[in-house]
Amino acid sequence: MIKKEGWENKTIDDCFESIRNGACIKQNDSHGGIPITRIETISNSTFNRDRLGYANIVDSSLYSKFILNEGDILMSHINSLKYLGRAVLYKKHDDEKIIHGMNLLNLISKKNIIKPQYITYYFCSEIFKNQITRIAKKSVNQASFTTTDLKKIKVSIPPLSTQQQIVSELDALSDIITKKKQQLEELDKLAQATFYDMFGDPVSNKKGWEMKKLKQMCTKLNDGTHFSPISTKEGDFKYITAKNIKKSGFDFSNLTYISEKDHREIFSRCNPEYGDILYIKDGATTGIAQINTLKEEFSLLSSVALLKYDRALVHGYYLRDMLNNESVYRFIRSNMGGVAITRLTIQKINMFTLPIPPLSLQENYCDKISVLEKQKKLINKSIGDVQLLFDYTMDKYFN
């Protein structure tokens, strides 16, 4: 490990007072009592208070040593390899009490050696992720590591004043990204309000629009490849899967590619073109629709359905936003099969029955939405620019 001037090399064990698992509590479907952390609580690298568990515990004294404190760090030590080592800093809200549950480690730092904010950023660095990969013990569906191996990992620690400077830089950039994402959320809320104002709730359909099955709206409805071609970080054609499709647009941060030979075989059956709808039909994000904005050829995995809709009957923005509508989204997900993995079949998607207002009204809606889309595009570009600066700053200090 390279040692910068004035920095010290220490182990994780040197930096923390304690590293331990949480209380073994069987959680239930209730929302009563003191909330309890679980693996999903730190998904997306944030502390999600809407993803806490419950067990009707009302007496906090029973679990006093497991109540989270400001500055505690929660880390995933049992997960898929990709998310192993994910860490989130807990920031207490008012006088809330939250119990540290099983399957997340709680790391309590030695404040005279290391700032919790600093080490949390370090845990997001590539150098730390690589070390986690080296100590990971892999099984069929998940990976894990022991606290003993975690404690042996070495960290380069600057003086506390330098730690604070680094934290301030990264916090400032992170705050900008957060605020811009909030702007996107506000634009999405405005779009949703516009949808309800013009068309009403699509599930109850109180405005009495004509109803049609999705297969009647589409000239083609199928999905991507059901075999797994060899994919690499570089190649001939983009290989789009569910992880690359968000409500905000395409996410190419973890994009892979396939050979021209494999692409030709896939594309001959499932040929996404500009303006088509891509609809996630398999996995945790099932039910998300997005318009294809790529003008180049690419291949799809079977987790994504391709909807070539009849332009004389339905507009792309309307169809996308109808499928993404909260009422429709909840209705569809409540009728899906699968326990560990939620999924929709092409047969089920074909039978979706949805309202079709007059095309002229849809086009009026789409004129309004296109203005919001342009604003979102500018904000997304700005987010990308700030993210590059954030990544550069992370590399400068940690990698």
Protein backbone atom coordinates (compact mmCIF):
# COMPACT_ATOMS: atom_id res chain seq x y z
CA MET A 1 0.00 0.00 0.00
CA ILE A 2 1.37 3.43 -0.99
CA LYS A 3 1.69 5.76 1.97
CA LYS A 4 1.09 9.47 1.33
CA GLU A 5 3.06 12.02 3.30
CA GLY A 6 1.52 12.47 6.75
CA TRP A 7 -0.83 9.54 6.26
CA GLU A 8 -0.65 6.33 8.30
CA ASN A 9 -1.37 2.78 7.25
CA LYS A 10 -3.74 1.07 9.66
CA THR A 11 -6.00 -1.96 9.65
CA ILE A 12 -9.77 -1.79 9.85
CA ASP A 13 -9.42 -3.30 13.31
CA ASP A 14 -7.24 -0.33 14.37
CA CYS A 15 -9.95 2.13 13.28
CA PHE A 16 -13.03 0.72 15.00
CA GLU A 17 -14.11 0.20 18.61
CA SER A 18 -16.39 -2.64 17.59
CA ILE A 19 -17.59 -4.54 14.52
CA ARG A 20 -20.54 -6.82 15.18
CA ASN A 21 -23.68 -8.35 13.76
CA GLY A 22 -27.13 -7.25 14.89
CA ALA A 23 -29.82 -8.67 17.14
CA CYS A 24 -31.37 -11.96 16.04
CA ILE A 25 -35.03 -10.97 15.81
CA LYS A 26 -37.64 -12.70 13.69
CA GLN A 27 -39.35 -9.90 11.80
CA ASN A 28 -42.98 -10.06 10.67
CA ASP A 29 -45.35 -8.28 8.29
CA SER A 30 -46.55 -5.79 10.90
CA HIS A 31 -45.48 -2.16 11.07
CA GLY A 32 -45.74 -1.98 14.85
CA GLY A 33 -43.12 -1.25 17.43
CA ILE A 34 -39.50 -0.15 17.10
CA PRO A 35 -38.16 -0.54 13.53
CA ILE A 36 -35.30 -2.99 12.81
CA THR A 37 -32.66 -2.81 10.08
CA ARG A 38 -32.43 -5.48 7.41
CA ILE A 39 -30.36 -5.91 4.23
CA GLU A 40 -32.79 -3.81 2.14
CA THR A 41 -32.40 -0.91 4.57
CA ILE A 42 -29.11 0.09 2.90
CA SER A 43 -30.04 -0.66 -0.72
CA ASN A 44 -28.97 1.98 -3.26
CA SER A 45 -26.24 2.99 -0.76
CA THR A 46 -28.65 5.08 1.29
CA PHE A 47 -30.36 4.54 4.63
CA ASN A 48 -33.94 3.71 3.62
CA ARG A 49 -36.36 4.26 6.48
CA ASP A 50 -39.16 2.87 4.31
CA ARG A 51 -37.33 -0.48 4.16
CA LEU A 52 -37.07 -1.27 7.84
CA GLY A 53 -38.52 -4.40 9.44
CA TYR A 54 -40.76 -4.79 12.49
CA ALA A 55 -41.49 -7.35 15.19
CA ASN A 56 -43.92 -5.45 17.48
CA ILE A 57 -41.12 -4.60 19.92
CA VAL A 58 -42.11 -1.66 22.13
CA ASP A 59 -39.56 -1.86 24.97
CA SER A 60 -36.22 -0.56 23.68
CA SER A 61 -34.44 -1.55 26.90
CA LEU A 62 -34.61 -5.18 25.77
CA TYR A 63 -32.26 -4.33 22.93
CA SER A 64 -30.48 -1.26 24.35
CA LYS A 65 -27.03 -2.32 23.13
CA PHE A 66 -28.38 -2.70 19.58
CA ILE A 67 -29.98 0.76 19.26
CA LEU A 68 -28.25 2.70 16.47
CA ASN A 69 -26.32 5.86 17.32
CA GLU A 70 -25.31 8.83 15.19
CA GLY A 71 -22.21 7.94 13.18
CA ASP A 72 -22.70 4.15 13.20
CA ILE A 73 -21.85 2.51 9.87
CA LEU A 74 -23.94 -0.37 8.54
CA MET A 75 -22.22 -2.77 6.15
CA SER A 76 -23.55 -5.70 4.13
CA HIS A 77 -21.44 -8.82 4.76
CA ILE A 78 -23.90 -11.37 3.28
CA ASN A 79 -25.15 -10.48 -0.19
CA SER A 80 -24.52 -11.01 -3.88
CA LEU A 81 -20.86 -10.34 -4.66
CA LYS A 82 -21.70 -7.06 -6.39
CA TYR A 83 -23.21 -5.57 -3.23
CA LEU A 84 -20.90 -7.18 -0.69
CA GLY A 85 -19.21 -4.56 1.48
CA ARG A 86 -21.79 -1.86 0.71
CA ALA A 87 -21.69 0.61 3.61
CA VAL A 88 -24.01 3.42 4.72
CA LEU A 89 -23.53 6.03 7.44
CA TYR A 90 -26.44 6.30 9.87
CA LYS A 91 -27.58 9.87 10.61
CA LYS A 92 -30.12 10.00 13.40
CA HIS A 93 -33.42 11.82 12.87
CA ASP A 94 -34.64 13.63 16.00
CA ASP A 95 -35.17 11.13 18.84
CA GLU A 96 -35.88 8.06 16.69
CA LYS A 97 -34.90 4.60 17.89
CA ILE A 98 -33.89 1.91 15.41
CA ILE A 99 -32.65 -1.57 16.30
CA HIS A 100 -29.61 -2.98 14.50
CA GLY A 101 -30.86 -6.29 13.06
CA MET A 102 -29.15 -9.39 11.66
CA ASN A 103 -27.21 -9.64 8.39
CA LEU A 104 -25.73 -6.13 8.56
CA LEU A 105 -22.55 -5.36 10.44
CA ASN A 106 -22.45 -2.27 12.67
CA LEU A 107 -19.05 -0.57 12.67
CA ILE A 108 -18.41 1.97 15.45
CA SER A 109 -15.34 4.08 14.69
CA LYS A 110 -12.65 5.36 17.03
CA LYS A 111 -13.35 9.08 16.63
CA ASN A 112 -9.79 10.06 17.62
CA ILE A 113 -8.44 8.09 14.65
CA ILE A 114 -11.02 8.27 11.92
CA LYS A 115 -14.14 10.24 11.04
CA PRO A 116 -17.15 8.03 10.23
CA GLN A 117 -17.93 10.14 7.14
CA TYR A 118 -14.39 9.67 5.81
CA ILE A 119 -14.25 5.91 6.22
CA THR A 120 -17.74 5.55 4.72
CA TYR A 121 -16.51 7.26 1.56
CA TYR A 122 -13.47 4.98 1.62
CA PHE A 123 -15.78 1.98 1.75
CA CYS A 124 -17.25 3.17 -1.58
CA SER A 125 -13.85 3.22 -3.28
CA GLU A 126 -12.65 0.69 -5.84
CA ILE A 127 -9.60 -0.17 -3.75
CA PHE A 128 -11.84 -1.28 -0.87
CA LYS A 129 -14.23 -3.17 -3.15
CA ASN A 130 -11.28 -5.06 -4.64
CA GLN A 131 -10.13 -6.07 -1.16
CA ILE A 132 -13.64 -7.24 -0.28
CA THR A 133 -13.66 -9.38 -3.43
CA ARG A 134 -10.41 -11.01 -2.30
CA ILE A 135 -11.79 -12.00 1.12
CA ALA A 136 -15.23 -13.01 -0.15
CA LYS A 137 -16.38 -16.58 0.27
CA LYS A 138 -18.68 -17.42 -2.65
CA SER A 139 -21.60 -19.82 -2.70
CA VAL A 140 -24.31 -20.51 -5.29
CA ASN A 141 -26.56 -17.48 -4.79
CA GLN A 142 -24.57 -15.18 -2.52
CA ALA A 143 -21.20 -14.31 -1.04
CA SER A 144 -19.99 -13.37 2.42
CA PHE A 145 -16.92 -12.46 4.42
CA THR A 146 -15.94 -12.86 8.06
CA THR A 147 -15.31 -9.98 10.46
CA THR A 148 -11.90 -11.52 11.11
CA ASP A 149 -10.90 -11.04 7.46
CA LEU A 150 -12.51 -7.59 7.30
CA LYS A 151 -10.45 -6.40 10.27
CA LYS A 152 -7.20 -7.30 8.49
CA ILE A 153 -7.85 -4.95 5.54
CA LYS A 154 -5.43 -2.03 5.50
CA VAL A 155 -6.47 1.60 5.11
CA SER A 156 -4.39 4.70 4.45
CA ILE A 157 -5.45 7.27 7.06
CA PRO A 158 -4.70 11.01 6.80
CA PRO A 159 -4.75 13.43 9.77
CA LEU A 160 -8.23 14.27 11.05
CA SER A 161 -8.06 17.77 9.55
CA THR A 162 -7.33 16.28 6.11
CA GLN A 163 -10.14 13.78 6.55
CA GLN A 164 -12.54 16.66 7.20
CA GLN A 165 -11.32 18.49 4.08
CA ILE A 166 -11.88 15.38 1.94
CA VAL A 167 -15.33 14.82 3.46
CA SER A 168 -16.27 18.46 2.81
CA GLU A 169 -15.28 18.18 -0.87
CA LEU A 170 -17.18 14.94 -1.42
CA ASP A 171 -20.20 16.09 0.60
CA ALA A 172 -20.48 19.26 -1.51
CA LEU A 173 -20.49 17.26 -4.76
CA SER A 174 -22.84 14.65 -3.33
CA ASP A 175 -25.27 17.36 -2.19
CA ILE A 176 -25.36 18.84 -5.70
CA ILE A 177 -26.20 15.44 -7.18
CA THR A 178 -28.88 14.86 -4.52
CA LYS A 179 -30.53 18.23 -5.20
CA LYS A 180 -30.55 17.65 -8.95
CA LYS A 181 -32.11 14.23 -8.45
CA GLN A 182 -34.77 15.91 -6.33
CA GLN A 183 -35.44 18.25 -9.26
CA LEU A 184 -35.98 15.19 -11.45
CA GLU A 185 -38.42 13.80 -8.89
CA GLU A 186 -40.38 17.07 -8.92
CA LEU A 187 -40.58 16.97 -12.72
CA ASP A 188 -41.78 13.35 -12.54
CA LYS A 189 -44.48 14.39 -10.05
CA LEU A 190 -45.56 17.18 -12.40
CA ALA A 191 -45.74 14.71 -15.29
CA GLN A 192 -47.80 12.30 -13.19
CA ALA A 193 -50.17 15.10 -12.12
CA THR A 194 -50.59 16.09 -15.78
CA PHE A 195 -51.40 12.47 -16.66
CA TYR A 196 -54.11 12.20 -13.98
CA ASP A 197 -55.55 15.59 -14.90
CA MET A 198 -55.95 14.64 -18.56
CA PHE A 199 -56.78 10.93 -18.36
CA GLY A 200 -57.82 10.13 -14.79
CA ASP A 201 -56.88 6.94 -13.01
CA PRO A 202 -56.21 4.27 -15.68
CA VAL A 203 -57.23 1.36 -13.43
CA SER A 204 -60.66 2.68 -12.43
CA ASN A 205 -61.05 4.49 -15.81
CA LYS A 206 -63.79 6.79 -14.53
CA LYS A 207 -63.53 8.88 -17.70
CA GLY A 208 -64.76 5.90 -19.67
CA TRP A 209 -62.02 5.62 -22.29
CA GLU A 210 -62.11 2.70 -24.72
CA MET A 211 -60.24 -0.33 -23.31
CA LYS A 212 -57.93 -2.51 -25.38
CA LYS A 213 -55.56 -5.38 -24.67
CA LEU A 214 -51.90 -4.52 -25.07
CA LYS A 215 -51.57 -7.06 -27.87
CA GLN A 216 -54.18 -5.03 -29.80
CA MET A 217 -52.04 -1.91 -29.41
CA CYS A 218 -48.83 -3.55 -30.59
CA THR A 219 -47.70 -4.81 -33.97
CA LYS A 220 -45.02 -6.87 -32.20
CA LEU A 221 -44.56 -7.88 -28.56
CA ASN A 222 -41.78 -10.27 -27.58
CA ASP A 223 -38.69 -10.39 -25.39
CA GLY A 224 -34.92 -10.68 -25.68
CA THR A 225 -32.71 -13.73 -25.74
CA HIS A 226 -33.35 -16.65 -23.39
CA PHE A 227 -29.78 -17.90 -23.62
CA SER A 228 -26.80 -16.13 -22.05
CA PRO A 229 -24.26 -15.00 -24.64
CA ILE A 230 -20.72 -14.22 -23.56
CA SER A 231 -20.70 -10.56 -22.56
CA THR A 232 -17.66 -8.36 -22.02
CA LYS A 233 -16.84 -4.77 -21.06
CA GLU A 234 -15.99 -4.06 -24.69
CA GLY A 235 -17.45 -5.53 -27.83
CA ASP A 236 -19.44 -5.07 -31.02
CA PHE A 237 -22.98 -4.38 -29.77
CA LYS A 238 -24.56 -3.16 -26.53
CA TYR A 239 -26.23 -5.86 -24.47
CA ILE A 240 -29.18 -4.26 -22.66
CA THR A 241 -30.67 -5.94 -19.59
CA ALA A 242 -33.11 -4.84 -16.87
CA LYS A 243 -30.31 -3.19 -14.88
CA ASN A 244 -29.73 -0.71 -17.73
CA ILE A 245 -33.33 0.58 -17.80
CA LYS A 246 -34.59 3.14 -15.28
CA LYS A 247 -37.65 5.38 -15.22
CA SER A 248 -35.22 8.26 -15.77
CA GLY A 249 -33.81 6.66 -18.95
CA PHE A 250 -30.91 4.39 -19.83
CA ASP A 251 -28.18 3.68 -17.28
CA PHE A 252 -24.94 2.63 -18.95
CA SER A 253 -22.78 2.66 -15.80
CA ASN A 254 -22.50 -1.15 -15.88
CA LEU A 255 -23.02 -1.83 -19.59
CA THR A 256 -21.67 -4.96 -21.29
CA TYR A 257 -21.27 -5.93 -24.95
CA ILE A 258 -21.63 -9.06 -27.09
CA SER A 259 -20.16 -10.25 -30.39
CA GLU A 260 -21.71 -9.47 -33.77
CA LYS A 261 -22.47 -13.18 -34.30
CA ASP A 262 -24.51 -13.41 -31.08
CA HIS A 263 -26.15 -10.04 -31.75
CA ARG A 264 -27.34 -11.08 -35.22
CA GLU A 265 -28.99 -14.19 -33.82
CA ILE A 266 -30.78 -12.22 -31.08
CA PHE A 267 -31.68 -9.21 -33.25
CA SER A 268 -33.25 -11.37 -35.96
CA ARG A 269 -36.06 -12.22 -33.52
CA CYS A 270 -36.14 -9.18 -31.22
CA ASN A 271 -35.19 -5.96 -33.02
CA PRO A 272 -35.58 -2.80 -30.85
CA GLU A 273 -35.74 0.41 -32.88
CA TYR A 274 -35.84 4.09 -31.99
CA GLY A 275 -39.13 5.00 -30.26
CA ASP A 276 -40.09 1.44 -29.28
CA ILE A 277 -41.07 0.70 -25.67
CA LEU A 278 -38.75 -1.42 -23.52
CA TYR A 279 -40.57 -3.00 -20.57
CA ILE A 280 -38.90 -4.84 -17.68
CA LYS A 281 -40.67 -8.17 -17.17
CA ASP A 282 -38.33 -10.03 -14.84
CA GLY A 283 -36.59 -9.17 -11.57
CA ALA A 284 -36.83 -6.61 -8.76
CA THR A 285 -37.64 -3.71 -11.12
CA THR A 286 -40.37 -5.54 -13.06
CA GLY A 287 -43.01 -3.14 -14.38
CA ILE A 288 -40.76 -0.24 -15.46
CA ALA A 289 -41.23 1.01 -19.03
CA GLN A 290 -38.96 3.29 -21.03
CA ILE A 291 -38.81 4.62 -24.58
CA ASN A 292 -35.82 3.49 -26.62
CA THR A 293 -33.79 6.60 -27.43
CA LEU A 294 -30.88 4.72 -29.05
CA LYS A 295 -30.65 4.94 -32.83
CA GLU A 296 -28.10 2.12 -33.01
CA GLU A 297 -28.74 -1.61 -32.97
CA PHE A 298 -28.41 -3.47 -29.67
CA SER A 299 -29.45 -6.80 -28.14
CA LEU A 300 -31.91 -7.46 -25.34
CA LEU A 301 -31.94 -10.09 -22.59
CA SER A 302 -35.21 -11.93 -21.89
CA SER A 303 -35.74 -9.81 -18.74
CA VAL A 304 -36.86 -7.00 -21.08
CA ALA A 305 -39.91 -7.07 -23.34
CA LEU A 306 -40.02 -5.18 -26.65
CA LEU A 307 -43.27 -3.37 -27.48
CA LYS A 308 -43.66 -2.15 -31.05
CA TYR A 309 -46.86 -0.18 -30.71
CA ASP A 310 -49.27 0.98 -33.41
CA ARG A 311 -48.43 4.69 -33.92
CA ALA A 312 -51.90 5.29 -35.41
CA LEU A 313 -53.47 4.15 -32.15
CA VAL A 314 -51.16 5.11 -29.32
CA HIS A 315 -48.35 7.60 -28.65
CA GLY A 316 -45.07 6.40 -27.11
CA TYR A 317 -45.01 8.86 -24.21
CA TYR A 318 -48.60 8.00 -23.32
CA LEU A 319 -47.97 4.24 -23.41
CA ARG A 320 -44.77 4.56 -21.39
CA ASP A 321 -46.35 6.76 -18.74
CA MET A 322 -49.48 4.65 -18.55
CA LEU A 323 -47.37 1.53 -17.86
CA ASN A 324 -45.32 3.49 -15.31
CA ASN A 325 -48.40 5.02 -13.69
CA GLU A 326 -48.46 4.22 -9.96
CA SER A 327 -51.95 2.66 -10.08
CA VAL A 328 -51.09 0.48 -13.08
CA TYR A 329 -47.67 -0.36 -11.62
CA ARG A 330 -49.19 -1.52 -8.30
CA PHE A 331 -51.96 -3.45 -10.06
CA ILE A 332 -49.50 -5.28 -12.31
CA ARG A 333 -47.03 -6.11 -9.53
CA SER A 334 -49.84 -7.42 -7.30
CA ASN A 335 -50.72 -9.95 -9.99
CA MET A 336 -47.23 -11.26 -10.74
CA GLY A 337 -45.99 -14.78 -10.15
CA GLY A 338 -42.71 -15.73 -8.56
CA VAL A 339 -41.49 -15.66 -4.97
CA ALA A 340 -37.76 -15.00 -4.98
CA ILE A 341 -37.94 -13.31 -8.40
CA THR A 342 -41.01 -11.46 -9.61
CA ARG A 343 -41.72 -11.96 -13.29
CA LEU A 344 -44.22 -11.42 -16.04
CA THR A 345 -44.63 -13.65 -19.07
CA ILE A 346 -45.19 -12.36 -22.59
CA GLN A 347 -48.60 -14.06 -22.46
CA LYS A 348 -49.57 -12.02 -19.38
CA ILE A 349 -48.26 -8.76 -20.85
CA ASN A 350 -50.26 -9.36 -24.04
CA MET A 351 -53.43 -9.54 -21.95
CA PHE A 352 -52.96 -6.23 -20.09
CA THR A 353 -56.20 -4.30 -20.62
CA LEU A 354 -55.56 -0.55 -20.71
CA PRO A 355 -57.49 2.61 -21.63
CA ILE A 356 -56.94 4.28 -25.01
CA PRO A 357 -58.03 7.95 -25.15
CA PRO A 358 -58.29 9.67 -28.55
CA LEU A 359 -54.89 10.01 -30.26
CA SER A 360 -55.31 13.79 -30.46
CA LEU A 361 -55.56 13.98 -26.64
CA GLN A 362 -52.54 11.71 -26.27
CA GLU A 363 -50.55 13.98 -28.60
CA ASN A 364 -51.61 17.03 -26.58
CA TYR A 365 -50.30 15.26 -23.48
CA CYS A 366 -47.07 14.33 -25.21
CA ASP A 367 -46.47 17.94 -26.28
CA LYS A 368 -46.54 18.90 -22.60
CA ILE A 369 -44.37 15.98 -21.54
CA SER A 370 -41.74 16.65 -24.20
CA VAL A 371 -41.06 20.03 -22.55
CA LEU A 372 -40.44 18.27 -19.23
CA GLU A 373 -38.30 15.65 -20.97
CA LYS A 374 -36.01 18.37 -22.33
CA GLN A 375 -35.58 19.78 -18.83
CA LYS A 376 -34.85 16.31 -17.47
CA LYS A 377 -32.27 15.72 -20.19
CA LEU A 378 -30.39 18.88 -19.18
CA ILE A 379 -30.52 17.94 -15.50
CA ASN A 380 -29.32 14.40 -16.23
CA LYS A 381 -26.39 15.78 -18.22
CA SER A 382 -25.55 18.06 -15.30
CA ILE A 383 -25.73 15.10 -12.90
CA GLY A 384 -23.38 13.17 -15.16
CA ASP A 385 -20.87 16.03 -15.20
CA VAL A 386 -20.90 16.36 -11.40
CA GLN A 387 -20.68 12.57 -11.03
CA LEU A 388 -17.51 12.57 -13.14
CA LEU A 389 -16.01 15.19 -10.83
CA PHE A 390 -17.10 13.15 -7.79
CA ASP A 391 -15.50 9.99 -9.23
CA TYR A 392 -12.31 11.90 -10.02
CA THR A 393 -12.17 13.21 -6.43
CA MET A 394 -12.69 9.69 -5.07
CA ASP A 395 -9.87 8.39 -7.26
CA LYS A 396 -7.57 11.23 -6.19
CA TYR A 397 -7.87 10.45 -2.50
CA PHE A 398 -8.58 6.73 -2.33
CA ASN A 399 -7.43 4.91 -5.46
